[in-house]
Amino acid sequence: MPTVFCRICCLLVLTTLNSGSYAASALEQDQLSLILQQLDTIEHLATRAQIASSAESTERYRFDYLRLTQDIQRIRLGVQDYLSPSRAQPRDPSELVGDYRLDTPSSEPSP
């Protein structure tokens, strides 16, 4: 009887210790929470810049705010998934685009 009890206790201790090894440390969680807050700020600034630049549509090249927002959301989801992982879900292997320049079609016909 005592050996069964000892085995069960050992298994419980190992399970408890092992389950915590996948969680982020407190410092890492704080840093990642700061990153999430900064991503919110960047997204807010990008929205404000997009509104301000929409009046100036005469430029040949424009910044692709939609693509930037999508990349910010992808980064945010990756951080959130790391902080609170779901079980048995495959990771999204797609990469960030990183190219945020849009060519504005010319309003004048080419010769």
PDB file of N, CA and C in Angstrom:
ATOM      1  N   MET A   1       0.798  -1.196   0.000  1.00  0.00           N
ATOM      2  CA  MET A   1       0.000   0.000   0.000  1.00  0.00           C
ATOM      3  C   MET A   1       0.849   1.272   0.000  1.00  0.00           C
ATOM      4  N   PRO A   2       1.917   1.355   0.830  1.00  0.00           N
ATOM      5  CA  PRO A   2       2.726   2.559   0.831  1.00  0.00           C
ATOM      6  C   PRO A   2       3.432   2.779  -0.510  1.00  0.00           C
ATOM      7  N   THR A   3       3.813   1.720  -1.211  1.00  0.00           N
ATOM      8  CA  THR A   3       4.488   1.912  -2.500  1.00  0.00           C
ATOM      9  C   THR A   3       3.542   2.488  -3.539  1.00  0.00           C
ATOM     10  N   VAL A   4       2.285   2.094  -3.519  1.00  0.00           N
ATOM     11  CA  VAL A   4       1.305   2.651  -4.462  1.00  0.00           C
ATOM     12  C   VAL A   4       1.097   4.132  -4.171  1.00  0.00           C
ATOM     13  N   PHE A   5       0.996   4.464  -2.884  1.00  0.00           N
ATOM     14  CA  PHE A   5       0.824   5.860  -2.490  1.00  0.00           C
ATOM     15  C   PHE A   5       2.041   6.686  -2.905  1.00  0.00           C
ATOM     16  N   CYS A   6       3.230   6.162  -2.701  1.00  0.00           N
ATOM     17  CA  CYS A   6       4.458   6.867  -3.098  1.00  0.00           C
ATOM     18  C   CYS A   6       4.520   7.059  -4.614  1.00  0.00           C
ATOM     19  N   ARG A   7       4.133   6.051  -5.350  1.00  0.00           N
ATOM     20  CA  ARG A   7       4.132   6.163  -6.817  1.00  0.00           C
ATOM     21  C   ARG A   7       3.151   7.229  -7.290  1.00  0.00           C
ATOM     22  N   ILE A   8       1.981   7.246  -6.677  1.00  0.00           N
ATOM     23  CA  ILE A   8       0.972   8.247  -7.060  1.00  0.00           C
ATOM     24  C   ILE A   8       1.474   9.648  -6.724  1.00  0.00           C
ATOM     25  N   CYS A   9       2.071   9.805  -5.548  1.00  0.00           N
ATOM     26  CA  CYS A   9       2.622  11.108  -5.164  1.00  0.00           C
ATOM     27  C   CYS A   9       3.727  11.546  -6.122  1.00  0.00           C
ATOM     28  N   CYS A  10       4.594  10.631  -6.479  1.00  0.00           N
ATOM     29  CA  CYS A  10       5.674  10.949  -7.422  1.00  0.00           C
ATOM     30  C   CYS A  10       5.114  11.366  -8.780  1.00  0.00           C
ATOM     31  N   LEU A  11       4.109  10.662  -9.251  1.00  0.00           N
ATOM     32  CA  LEU A  11       3.494  11.014 -10.530  1.00  0.00           C
ATOM     33  C   LEU A  11       2.840  12.391 -10.475  1.00  0.00           C
ATOM     34  N   LEU A  12       2.171  12.700  -9.380  1.00  0.00           N
ATOM     35  CA  LEU A  12       1.548  14.014  -9.232  1.00  0.00           C
ATOM     36  C   LEU A  12       2.596  15.124  -9.207  1.00  0.00           C
ATOM     37  N   VAL A  13       3.682  14.896  -8.489  1.00  0.00           N
ATOM     38  CA  VAL A  13       4.752  15.893  -8.434  1.00  0.00           C
ATOM     39  C   VAL A  13       5.371  16.085  -9.811  1.00  0.00           C
ATOM     40  N   LEU A  14       5.651  15.016 -10.514  1.00  0.00           N
ATOM     41  CA  LEU A  14       6.228  15.114 -11.855  1.00  0.00           C
ATOM     42  C   LEU A  14       5.286  15.803 -12.834  1.00  0.00           C
ATOM     43  N   THR A  15       4.009  15.484 -12.732  1.00  0.00           N
ATOM     44  CA  THR A  15       3.025  16.120 -13.617  1.00  0.00           C
ATOM     45  C   THR A  15       2.948  17.617 -13.351  1.00  0.00           C
ATOM     46  N   THR A  16       2.964  17.990 -12.089  1.00  0.00           N
ATOM     47  CA  THR A  16       2.902  19.404 -11.730  1.00  0.00           C
ATOM     48  C   THR A  16       4.138  20.145 -12.210  1.00  0.00           C
ATOM     49  N   LEU A  17       5.306  19.574 -11.981  1.00  0.00           N
ATOM     50  CA  LEU A  17       6.537  20.220 -12.416  1.00  0.00           C
ATOM     51  C   LEU A  17       6.641  20.279 -13.926  1.00  0.00           C
ATOM     52  N   ASN A  18       6.227  19.229 -14.603  1.00  0.00           N
ATOM     53  CA  ASN A  18       6.337  19.159 -16.048  1.00  0.00           C
ATOM     54  C   ASN A  18       5.360  20.099 -16.736  1.00  0.00           C
ATOM     55  N   SER A  19       4.170  20.278 -16.195  1.00  0.00           N
ATOM     56  CA  SER A  19       3.186  21.142 -16.850  1.00  0.00           C
ATOM     57  C   SER A  19       3.610  22.598 -16.813  1.00  0.00           C
ATOM     58  N   GLY A  20       4.368  23.012 -15.810  1.00  0.00           N
ATOM     59  CA  GLY A  20       4.821  24.393 -15.717  1.00  0.00           C
ATOM     60  C   GLY A  20       5.987  24.707 -16.623  1.00  0.00           C
ATOM     61  N   SER A  21       6.634  23.707 -17.186  1.00  0.00           N
ATOM     62  CA  SER A  21       7.812  23.959 -18.011  1.00  0.00           C
ATOM     63  C   SER A  21       7.455  24.594 -19.355  1.00  0.00           C
ATOM     64  N   TYR A  22       6.229  24.489 -19.786  1.00  0.00           N
ATOM     65  CA  TYR A  22       5.829  25.065 -21.059  1.00  0.00           C
ATOM     66  C   TYR A  22       5.329  26.491 -20.918  1.00  0.00           C
ATOM     67  N   ALA A  23       4.982  26.919 -19.737  1.00  0.00           N
ATOM     68  CA  ALA A  23       4.484  28.270 -19.534  1.00  0.00           C
ATOM     69  C   ALA A  23       5.649  29.253 -19.551  1.00  0.00           C
ATOM     70  N   ALA A  24       5.360  30.455 -19.989  1.00  0.00           N
ATOM     71  CA  ALA A  24       6.378  31.489 -19.999  1.00  0.00           C
ATOM     72  C   ALA A  24       6.664  31.940 -18.577  1.00  0.00           C
ATOM     73  N   SER A  25       7.905  32.363 -18.323  1.00  0.00           N
ATOM     74  CA  SER A  25       8.243  32.868 -16.997  1.00  0.00           C
ATOM     75  C   SER A  25       7.502  34.185 -16.764  1.00  0.00           C
ATOM     76  N   ALA A  26       7.468  34.612 -15.520  1.00  0.00           N
ATOM     77  CA  ALA A  26       6.758  35.854 -15.182  1.00  0.00           C
ATOM     78  C   ALA A  26       7.375  37.047 -15.900  1.00  0.00           C
ATOM     79  N   LEU A  27       8.703  37.106 -15.953  1.00  0.00           N
ATOM     80  CA  LEU A  27       9.374  38.200 -16.652  1.00  0.00           C
ATOM     81  C   LEU A  27       9.042  38.179 -18.141  1.00  0.00           C
ATOM     82  N   GLU A  28       9.069  36.977 -18.726  1.00  0.00           N
ATOM     83  CA  GLU A  28       8.761  36.860 -20.150  1.00  0.00           C
ATOM     84  C   GLU A  28       7.304  37.243 -20.421  1.00  0.00           C
ATOM     85  N   GLN A  29       6.400  36.847 -19.541  1.00  0.00           N
ATOM     86  CA  GLN A  29       4.992  37.223 -19.710  1.00  0.00           C
ATOM     87  C   GLN A  29       4.827  38.731 -19.638  1.00  0.00           C
ATOM     88  N   ASP A  30       5.538  39.382 -18.718  1.00  0.00           N
ATOM     89  CA  ASP A  30       5.472  40.844 -18.623  1.00  0.00           C
ATOM     90  C   ASP A  30       5.986  41.501 -19.893  1.00  0.00           C
ATOM     91  N   GLN A  31       7.108  40.998 -20.402  1.00  0.00           N
ATOM     92  CA  GLN A  31       7.685  41.573 -21.619  1.00  0.00           C
ATOM     93  C   GLN A  31       6.767  41.371 -22.826  1.00  0.00           C
ATOM     94  N   LEU A  32       6.183  40.189 -22.925  1.00  0.00           N
ATOM     95  CA  LEU A  32       5.272  39.926 -24.040  1.00  0.00           C
ATOM     96  C   LEU A  32       3.987  40.738 -23.918  1.00  0.00           C
ATOM     97  N   SER A  33       3.540  40.989 -22.709  1.00  0.00           N
ATOM     98  CA  SER A  33       2.377  41.862 -22.513  1.00  0.00           C
ATOM     99  C   SER A  33       2.693  43.283 -22.956  1.00  0.00           C
ATOM    100  N   LEU A  34       3.911  43.729 -22.678  1.00  0.00           N
ATOM    101  CA  LEU A  34       4.338  45.045 -23.161  1.00  0.00           C
ATOM    102  C   LEU A  34       4.370  45.090 -24.682  1.00  0.00           C
ATOM    103  N   ILE A  35       4.826  44.011 -25.284  1.00  0.00           N
ATOM    104  CA  ILE A  35       4.843  43.951 -26.749  1.00  0.00           C
ATOM    105  C   ILE A  35       3.424  44.058 -27.292  1.00  0.00           C
ATOM    106  N   LEU A  36       2.477  43.380 -26.668  1.00  0.00           N
ATOM    107  CA  LEU A  36       1.084  43.469 -27.116  1.00  0.00           C
ATOM    108  C   LEU A  36       0.558  44.893 -26.995  1.00  0.00           C
ATOM    109  N   GLN A  37       0.905  45.578 -25.917  1.00  0.00           N
ATOM    110  CA  GLN A  37       0.478  46.973 -25.756  1.00  0.00           C
ATOM    111  C   GLN A  37       1.109  47.854 -26.826  1.00  0.00           C
ATOM    112  N   GLN A  38       2.377  47.620 -27.126  1.00  0.00           N
ATOM    113  CA  GLN A  38       3.048  48.412 -28.148  1.00  0.00           C
ATOM    114  C   GLN A  38       2.477  48.123 -29.534  1.00  0.00           C
ATOM    115  N   LEU A  39       2.078  46.890 -29.792  1.00  0.00           N
ATOM    116  CA  LEU A  39       1.431  46.574 -31.066  1.00  0.00           C
ATOM    117  C   LEU A  39       0.108  47.322 -31.191  1.00  0.00           C
ATOM    118  N   ASP A  40      -0.637  47.433 -30.081  1.00  0.00           N
ATOM    119  CA  ASP A  40      -1.876  48.209 -30.096  1.00  0.00           C
ATOM    120  C   ASP A  40      -1.593  49.667 -30.432  1.00  0.00           C
ATOM    121  N   THR A  41      -0.533  50.216 -29.842  1.00  0.00           N
ATOM    122  CA  THR A  41      -0.155  51.608 -30.105  1.00  0.00           C
ATOM    123  C   THR A  41       0.252  51.796 -31.561  1.00  0.00           C
ATOM    124  N   ILE A  42       1.054  50.877 -32.076  1.00  0.00           N
ATOM    125  CA  ILE A  42       1.489  50.963 -33.478  1.00  0.00           C
ATOM    126  C   ILE A  42       0.289  50.882 -34.412  1.00  0.00           C
ATOM    127  N   GLU A  43      -0.627  49.984 -34.122  1.00  0.00           N
ATOM    128  CA  GLU A  43      -1.815  49.856 -34.968  1.00  0.00           C
ATOM    129  C   GLU A  43      -2.656  51.125 -34.924  1.00  0.00           C
ATOM    130  N   HIS A  44      -2.775  51.726 -33.754  1.00  0.00           N
ATOM    131  CA  HIS A  44      -3.523  52.981 -33.618  1.00  0.00           C
ATOM    132  C   HIS A  44      -2.844  54.101 -34.409  1.00  0.00           C
ATOM    133  N   LEU A  45      -1.508  54.192 -34.311  1.00  0.00           N
ATOM    134  CA  LEU A  45      -0.769  55.207 -35.062  1.00  0.00           C
ATOM    135  C   LEU A  45      -0.877  54.987 -36.568  1.00  0.00           C
ATOM    136  N   ALA A  46      -0.863  53.732 -36.993  1.00  0.00           N
ATOM    137  CA  ALA A  46      -1.003  53.431 -38.418  1.00  0.00           C
ATOM    138  C   ALA A  46      -2.381  53.831 -38.924  1.00  0.00           C
ATOM    139  N   THR A  47      -3.412  53.629 -38.108  1.00  0.00           N
ATOM    140  CA  THR A  47      -4.762  54.037 -38.495  1.00  0.00           C
ATOM    141  C   THR A  47      -4.837  55.551 -38.640  1.00  0.00           C
ATOM    142  N   ARG A  48      -4.237  56.268 -37.695  1.00  0.00           N
ATOM    143  CA  ARG A  48      -4.228  57.733 -37.776  1.00  0.00           C
ATOM    144  C   ARG A  48      -3.461  58.206 -38.999  1.00  0.00           C
ATOM    145  N   ALA A  49      -2.324  57.571 -39.294  1.00  0.00           N
ATOM    146  CA  ALA A  49      -1.533  57.946 -40.470  1.00  0.00           C
ATOM    147  C   ALA A  49      -2.291  57.652 -41.759  1.00  0.00           C
ATOM    148  N   GLN A  50      -3.031  56.553 -41.786  1.00  0.00           N
ATOM    149  CA  GLN A  50      -3.816  56.205 -42.971  1.00  0.00           C
ATOM    150  C   GLN A  50      -4.903  57.241 -43.220  1.00  0.00           C
ATOM    151  N   ILE A  51      -5.562  57.672 -42.165  1.00  0.00           N
ATOM    152  CA  ILE A  51      -6.608  58.696 -42.305  1.00  0.00           C
ATOM    153  C   ILE A  51      -5.998  60.004 -42.791  1.00  0.00           C
ATOM    154  N   ALA A  52      -4.833  60.364 -42.247  1.00  0.00           N
ATOM    155  CA  ALA A  52      -4.175  61.610 -42.646  1.00  0.00           C
ATOM    156  C   ALA A  52      -3.682  61.553 -44.086  1.00  0.00           C
ATOM    157  N   SER A  53      -3.240  60.389 -44.542  1.00  0.00           N
ATOM    158  CA  SER A  53      -2.689  60.289 -45.888  1.00  0.00           C
ATOM    159  C   SER A  53      -3.762  60.075 -46.947  1.00  0.00           C
ATOM    160  N   SER A  54      -4.979  59.749 -46.557  1.00  0.00           N
ATOM    161  CA  SER A  54      -6.011  59.494 -47.562  1.00  0.00           C
ATOM    162  C   SER A  54      -6.366  60.754 -48.338  1.00  0.00           C
ATOM    163  N   ALA A  55      -6.152  61.911 -47.747  1.00  0.00           N
ATOM    164  CA  ALA A  55      -6.427  63.172 -48.452  1.00  0.00           C
ATOM    165  C   ALA A  55      -5.357  63.467 -49.495  1.00  0.00           C
ATOM    166  N   GLU A  56      -4.177  62.921 -49.324  1.00  0.00           N
ATOM    167  CA  GLU A  56      -3.055  63.160 -50.234  1.00  0.00           C
ATOM    168  C   GLU A  56      -2.884  61.985 -51.184  1.00  0.00           C
ATOM    169  N   SER A  57      -3.819  61.767 -52.072  1.00  0.00           N
ATOM    170  CA  SER A  57      -3.764  60.605 -52.966  1.00  0.00           C
ATOM    171  C   SER A  57      -3.066  60.900 -54.284  1.00  0.00           C
ATOM    172  N   THR A  58      -2.357  62.017 -54.395  1.00  0.00           N
ATOM    173  CA  THR A  58      -1.680  62.357 -55.647  1.00  0.00           C
ATOM    174  C   THR A  58      -0.291  61.749 -55.744  1.00  0.00           C
ATOM    175  N   GLU A  59       0.178  61.100 -54.710  1.00  0.00           N
ATOM    176  CA  GLU A  59       1.509  60.499 -54.712  1.00  0.00           C
ATOM    177  C   GLU A  59       1.549  59.269 -55.620  1.00  0.00           C
ATOM    178  N   ARG A  60       2.705  59.008 -56.182  1.00  0.00           N
ATOM    179  CA  ARG A  60       2.852  57.829 -57.035  1.00  0.00           C
ATOM    180  C   ARG A  60       2.857  56.545 -56.213  1.00  0.00           C
ATOM    181  N   TYR A  61       3.529  56.588 -55.076  1.00  0.00           N
ATOM    182  CA  TYR A  61       3.588  55.428 -54.182  1.00  0.00           C
ATOM    183  C   TYR A  61       2.868  55.761 -52.885  1.00  0.00           C
ATOM    184  N   ARG A  62       2.171  54.768 -52.387  1.00  0.00           N
ATOM    185  CA  ARG A  62       1.472  54.917 -51.110  1.00  0.00           C
ATOM    186  C   ARG A  62       1.899  53.791 -50.189  1.00  0.00           C
ATOM    187  N   PHE A  63       1.724  54.032 -48.913  1.00  0.00           N
ATOM    188  CA  PHE A  63       2.034  53.015 -47.919  1.00  0.00           C
ATOM    189  C   PHE A  63       0.858  52.061 -47.828  1.00  0.00           C
ATOM    190  N   ASP A  64       1.131  50.772 -47.765  1.00  0.00           N
ATOM    191  CA  ASP A  64       0.082  49.752 -47.707  1.00  0.00           C
ATOM    192  C   ASP A  64      -0.297  49.501 -46.244  1.00  0.00           C
ATOM    193  N   TYR A  65      -1.219  50.310 -45.741  1.00  0.00           N
ATOM    194  CA  TYR A  65      -1.633  50.218 -44.337  1.00  0.00           C
ATOM    195  C   TYR A  65      -2.397  48.928 -44.058  1.00  0.00           C
ATOM    196  N   LEU A  66      -3.143  48.445 -45.011  1.00  0.00           N
ATOM    197  CA  LEU A  66      -3.875  47.199 -44.816  1.00  0.00           C
ATOM    198  C   LEU A  66      -2.917  46.041 -44.570  1.00  0.00           C
ATOM    199  N   ARG A  67      -1.873  45.961 -45.358  1.00  0.00           N
ATOM    200  CA  ARG A  67      -0.886  44.890 -45.194  1.00  0.00           C
ATOM    201  C   ARG A  67      -0.164  45.016 -43.854  1.00  0.00           C
ATOM    202  N   LEU A  68       0.160  46.249 -43.456  1.00  0.00           N
ATOM    203  CA  LEU A  68       0.797  46.469 -42.162  1.00  0.00           C
ATOM    204  C   LEU A  68      -0.117  46.007 -41.032  1.00  0.00           C
ATOM    205  N   THR A  69      -1.389  46.358 -41.108  1.00  0.00           N
ATOM    206  CA  THR A  69      -2.349  45.955 -40.081  1.00  0.00           C
ATOM    207  C   THR A  69      -2.474  44.438 -40.017  1.00  0.00           C
ATOM    208  N   GLN A  70      -2.488  43.783 -41.153  1.00  0.00           N
ATOM    209  CA  GLN A  70      -2.572  42.325 -41.176  1.00  0.00           C
ATOM    210  C   GLN A  70      -1.339  41.685 -40.538  1.00  0.00           C
ATOM    211  N   ASP A  71      -0.155  42.262 -40.804  1.00  0.00           N
ATOM    212  CA  ASP A  71       1.065  41.727 -40.198  1.00  0.00           C
ATOM    213  C   ASP A  71       1.079  41.960 -38.684  1.00  0.00           C
ATOM    214  N   ILE A  72       0.604  43.117 -38.245  1.00  0.00           N
ATOM    215  CA  ILE A  72       0.522  43.387 -36.806  1.00  0.00           C
ATOM    216  C   ILE A  72      -0.418  42.399 -36.148  1.00  0.00           C
ATOM    217  N   GLN A  73      -1.539  42.121 -36.790  1.00  0.00           N
ATOM    218  CA  GLN A  73      -2.486  41.153 -36.232  1.00  0.00           C
ATOM    219  C   GLN A  73      -1.873  39.758 -36.175  1.00  0.00           C
ATOM    220  N   ARG A  74      -1.086  39.389 -37.175  1.00  0.00           N
ATOM    221  CA  ARG A  74      -0.432  38.078 -37.189  1.00  0.00           C
ATOM    222  C   ARG A  74       0.570  37.981 -36.037  1.00  0.00           C
ATOM    223  N   ILE A  75       1.338  39.044 -35.810  1.00  0.00           N
ATOM    224  CA  ILE A  75       2.293  39.054 -34.708  1.00  0.00           C
ATOM    225  C   ILE A  75       1.549  38.972 -33.380  1.00  0.00           C
ATOM    226  N   ARG A  76       0.466  39.756 -33.243  1.00  0.00           N
ATOM    227  CA  ARG A  76      -0.320  39.747 -32.012  1.00  0.00           C
ATOM    228  C   ARG A  76      -0.868  38.348 -31.716  1.00  0.00           C
ATOM    229  N   LEU A  77      -1.403  37.701 -32.739  1.00  0.00           N
ATOM    230  CA  LEU A  77      -1.935  36.348 -32.548  1.00  0.00           C
ATOM    231  C   LEU A  77      -0.843  35.363 -32.156  1.00  0.00           C
ATOM    232  N   GLY A  78       0.348  35.520 -32.731  1.00  0.00           N
ATOM    233  CA  GLY A  78       1.454  34.641 -32.378  1.00  0.00           C
ATOM    234  C   GLY A  78       1.862  34.798 -30.919  1.00  0.00           C
ATOM    235  N   VAL A  79       1.921  36.032 -30.439  1.00  0.00           N
ATOM    236  CA  VAL A  79       2.276  36.274 -29.042  1.00  0.00           C
ATOM    237  C   VAL A  79       1.183  35.746 -28.123  1.00  0.00           C
ATOM    238  N   GLN A  80      -0.077  36.019 -28.474  1.00  0.00           N
ATOM    239  CA  GLN A  80      -1.185  35.545 -27.652  1.00  0.00           C
ATOM    240  C   GLN A  80      -1.248  34.015 -27.627  1.00  0.00           C
ATOM    241  N   ASP A  81      -0.978  33.385 -28.755  1.00  0.00           N
ATOM    242  CA  ASP A  81      -0.966  31.922 -28.803  1.00  0.00           C
ATOM    243  C   ASP A  81       0.157  31.349 -27.943  1.00  0.00           C
ATOM    244  N   TYR A  82       1.280  32.056 -27.886  1.00  0.00           N
ATOM    245  CA  TYR A  82       2.379  31.593 -27.050  1.00  0.00           C
ATOM    246  C   TYR A  82       2.025  31.726 -25.569  1.00  0.00           C
ATOM    247  N   LEU A  83       1.392  32.853 -25.222  1.00  0.00           N
ATOM    248  CA  LEU A  83       1.050  33.078 -23.820  1.00  0.00           C
ATOM    249  C   LEU A  83      -0.049  32.144 -23.333  1.00  0.00           C
ATOM    250  N   SER A  84      -0.970  31.794 -24.201  1.00  0.00           N
ATOM    251  CA  SER A  84      -2.042  30.869 -23.813  1.00  0.00           C
ATOM    252  C   SER A  84      -2.269  29.878 -24.954  1.00  0.00           C
ATOM    253  N   PRO A  85      -1.385  28.886 -25.057  1.00  0.00           N
ATOM    254  CA  PRO A  85      -1.469  27.948 -26.185  1.00  0.00           C
ATOM    255  C   PRO A  85      -2.711  27.065 -26.102  1.00  0.00           C
ATOM    256  N   SER A  86      -3.236  26.764 -27.268  1.00  0.00           N
ATOM    257  CA  SER A  86      -4.337  25.804 -27.337  1.00  0.00           C
ATOM    258  C   SER A  86      -3.732  24.438 -27.622  1.00  0.00           C
ATOM    259  N   ARG A  87      -4.439  23.425 -27.276  1.00  0.00           N
ATOM    260  CA  ARG A  87      -3.900  22.072 -27.413  1.00  0.00           C
ATOM    261  C   ARG A  87      -4.063  21.544 -28.831  1.00  0.00           C
ATOM    262  N   ALA A  88      -3.050  20.882 -29.301  1.00  0.00           N
ATOM    263  CA  ALA A  88      -3.052  20.135 -30.564  1.00  0.00           C
ATOM    264  C   ALA A  88      -3.458  20.977 -31.761  1.00  0.00           C
ATOM    265  N   GLN A  89      -3.080  22.248 -31.773  1.00  0.00           N
ATOM    266  CA  GLN A  89      -3.359  23.092 -32.926  1.00  0.00           C
ATOM    267  C   GLN A  89      -2.052  23.332 -33.686  1.00  0.00           C
ATOM    268  N   PRO A  90      -2.041  23.089 -34.981  1.00  0.00           N
ATOM    269  CA  PRO A  90      -0.821  23.334 -35.744  1.00  0.00           C
ATOM    270  C   PRO A  90      -0.563  24.833 -35.878  1.00  0.00           C
ATOM    271  N   ARG A  91       0.687  25.177 -35.988  1.00  0.00           N
ATOM    272  CA  ARG A  91       1.066  26.577 -36.153  1.00  0.00           C
ATOM    273  C   ARG A  91       0.808  27.013 -37.588  1.00  0.00           C
ATOM    274  N   ASP A  92       0.562  28.301 -37.770  1.00  0.00           N
ATOM    275  CA  ASP A  92       0.370  28.870 -39.090  1.00  0.00           C
ATOM    276  C   ASP A  92       1.749  29.146 -39.697  1.00  0.00           C
ATOM    277  N   PRO A  93       2.134  28.432 -40.766  1.00  0.00           N
ATOM    278  CA  PRO A  93       3.488  28.569 -41.290  1.00  0.00           C
ATOM    279  C   PRO A  93       3.700  29.772 -42.206  1.00  0.00           C
ATOM    280  N   SER A  94       2.675  30.563 -42.489  1.00  0.00           N
ATOM    281  CA  SER A  94       2.857  31.668 -43.426  1.00  0.00           C
ATOM    282  C   SER A  94       3.724  32.762 -42.801  1.00  0.00           C
ATOM    283  N   GLU A  95       4.421  33.476 -43.642  1.00  0.00           N
ATOM    284  CA  GLU A  95       5.374  34.481 -43.198  1.00  0.00           C
ATOM    285  C   GLU A  95       4.785  35.877 -43.346  1.00  0.00           C
ATOM    286  N   LEU A  96       5.431  36.842 -42.685  1.00  0.00           N
ATOM    287  CA  LEU A  96       5.035  38.233 -42.834  1.00  0.00           C
ATOM    288  C   LEU A  96       5.409  38.708 -44.229  1.00  0.00           C
ATOM    289  N   VAL A  97       4.650  39.661 -44.729  1.00  0.00           N
ATOM    290  CA  VAL A  97       4.916  40.158 -46.064  1.00  0.00           C
ATOM    291  C   VAL A  97       6.095  41.117 -46.046  1.00  0.00           C
ATOM    292  N   GLY A  98       6.012  42.170 -45.243  1.00  0.00           N
ATOM    293  CA  GLY A  98       7.124  43.079 -45.061  1.00  0.00           C
ATOM    294  C   GLY A  98       7.286  44.148 -46.120  1.00  0.00           C
ATOM    295  N   ASP A  99       6.615  44.075 -47.245  1.00  0.00           N
ATOM    296  CA  ASP A  99       6.708  45.093 -48.290  1.00  0.00           C
ATOM    297  C   ASP A  99       5.442  45.924 -48.223  1.00  0.00           C
ATOM    298  N   TYR A 100       5.583  47.199 -47.858  1.00  0.00           N
ATOM    299  CA  TYR A 100       4.408  48.024 -47.584  1.00  0.00           C
ATOM    300  C   TYR A 100       4.253  49.177 -48.573  1.00  0.00           C
ATOM    301  N   ARG A 101       4.840  49.078 -49.746  1.00  0.00           N
ATOM    302  CA  ARG A 101       4.713  50.150 -50.732  1.00  0.00           C
ATOM    303  C   ARG A 101       3.725  49.735 -51.804  1.00  0.00           C
ATOM    304  N   LEU A 102       2.743  50.590 -52.038  1.00  0.00           N
ATOM    305  CA  LEU A 102       1.755  50.353 -53.088  1.00  0.00           C
ATOM    306  C   LEU A 102       2.020  51.304 -54.241  1.00  0.00           C
ATOM    307  N   ASP A 103       1.938  50.825 -55.458  1.00  0.00           N
ATOM    308  CA  ASP A 103       2.022  51.703 -56.617  1.00  0.00           C
ATOM    309  C   ASP A 103       0.639  52.265 -56.878  1.00  0.00           C
ATOM    310  N   THR A 104       0.579  53.584 -56.982  1.00  0.00           N
ATOM    311  CA  THR A 104      -0.676  54.226 -57.298  1.00  0.00           C
ATOM    312  C   THR A 104      -0.797  54.292 -58.817  1.00  0.00           C
ATOM    313  N   PRO A 105      -1.909  53.809 -59.364  1.00  0.00           N
ATOM    314  CA  PRO A 105      -2.055  53.875 -60.826  1.00  0.00           C
ATOM    315  C   PRO A 105      -2.072  55.313 -61.283  1.00  0.00           C
ATOM    316  N   SER A 106      -1.408  55.544 -62.377  1.00  0.00           N
ATOM    317  CA  SER A 106      -1.311  56.898 -62.913  1.00  0.00           C
ATOM    318  C   SER A 106      -2.669  57.337 -63.464  1.00  0.00           C
ATOM    319  N   SER A 107      -3.030  58.590 -63.186  1.00  0.00           N
ATOM    320  CA  SER A 107      -4.300  59.110 -63.678  1.00  0.00           C
ATOM    321  C   SER A 107      -4.175  59.619 -65.111  1.00  0.00           C
ATOM    322  N   GLU A 108      -2.937  59.820 -65.565  1.00  0.00           N
ATOM    323  CA  GLU A 108      -2.715  60.271 -66.935  1.00  0.00           C
ATOM    324  C   GLU A 108      -2.380  59.079 -67.815  1.00  0.00           C
ATOM    325  N   PRO A 109      -2.926  59.032 -69.028  1.00  0.00           N
ATOM    326  CA  PRO A 109      -2.586  57.928 -69.932  1.00  0.00           C
ATOM    327  C   PRO A 109      -1.131  58.041 -70.374  1.00  0.00           C
ATOM    328  N   SER A 110      -0.472  56.916 -70.508  1.00  0.00           N
ATOM    329  CA  SER A 110       0.908  56.937 -70.963  1.00  0.00           C
ATOM    330  C   SER A 110       0.952  57.110 -72.485  1.00  0.00           C
ATOM    331  N   PRO A 111       2.002  57.797 -72.954  1.00  0.00           N
ATOM    332  CA  PRO A 111       2.090  58.064 -74.415  1.00  0.00           C
ATOM    333  C   PRO A 111       2.398  56.871 -75.232  1.00  0.00           C
TER     334      PRO A 111
END
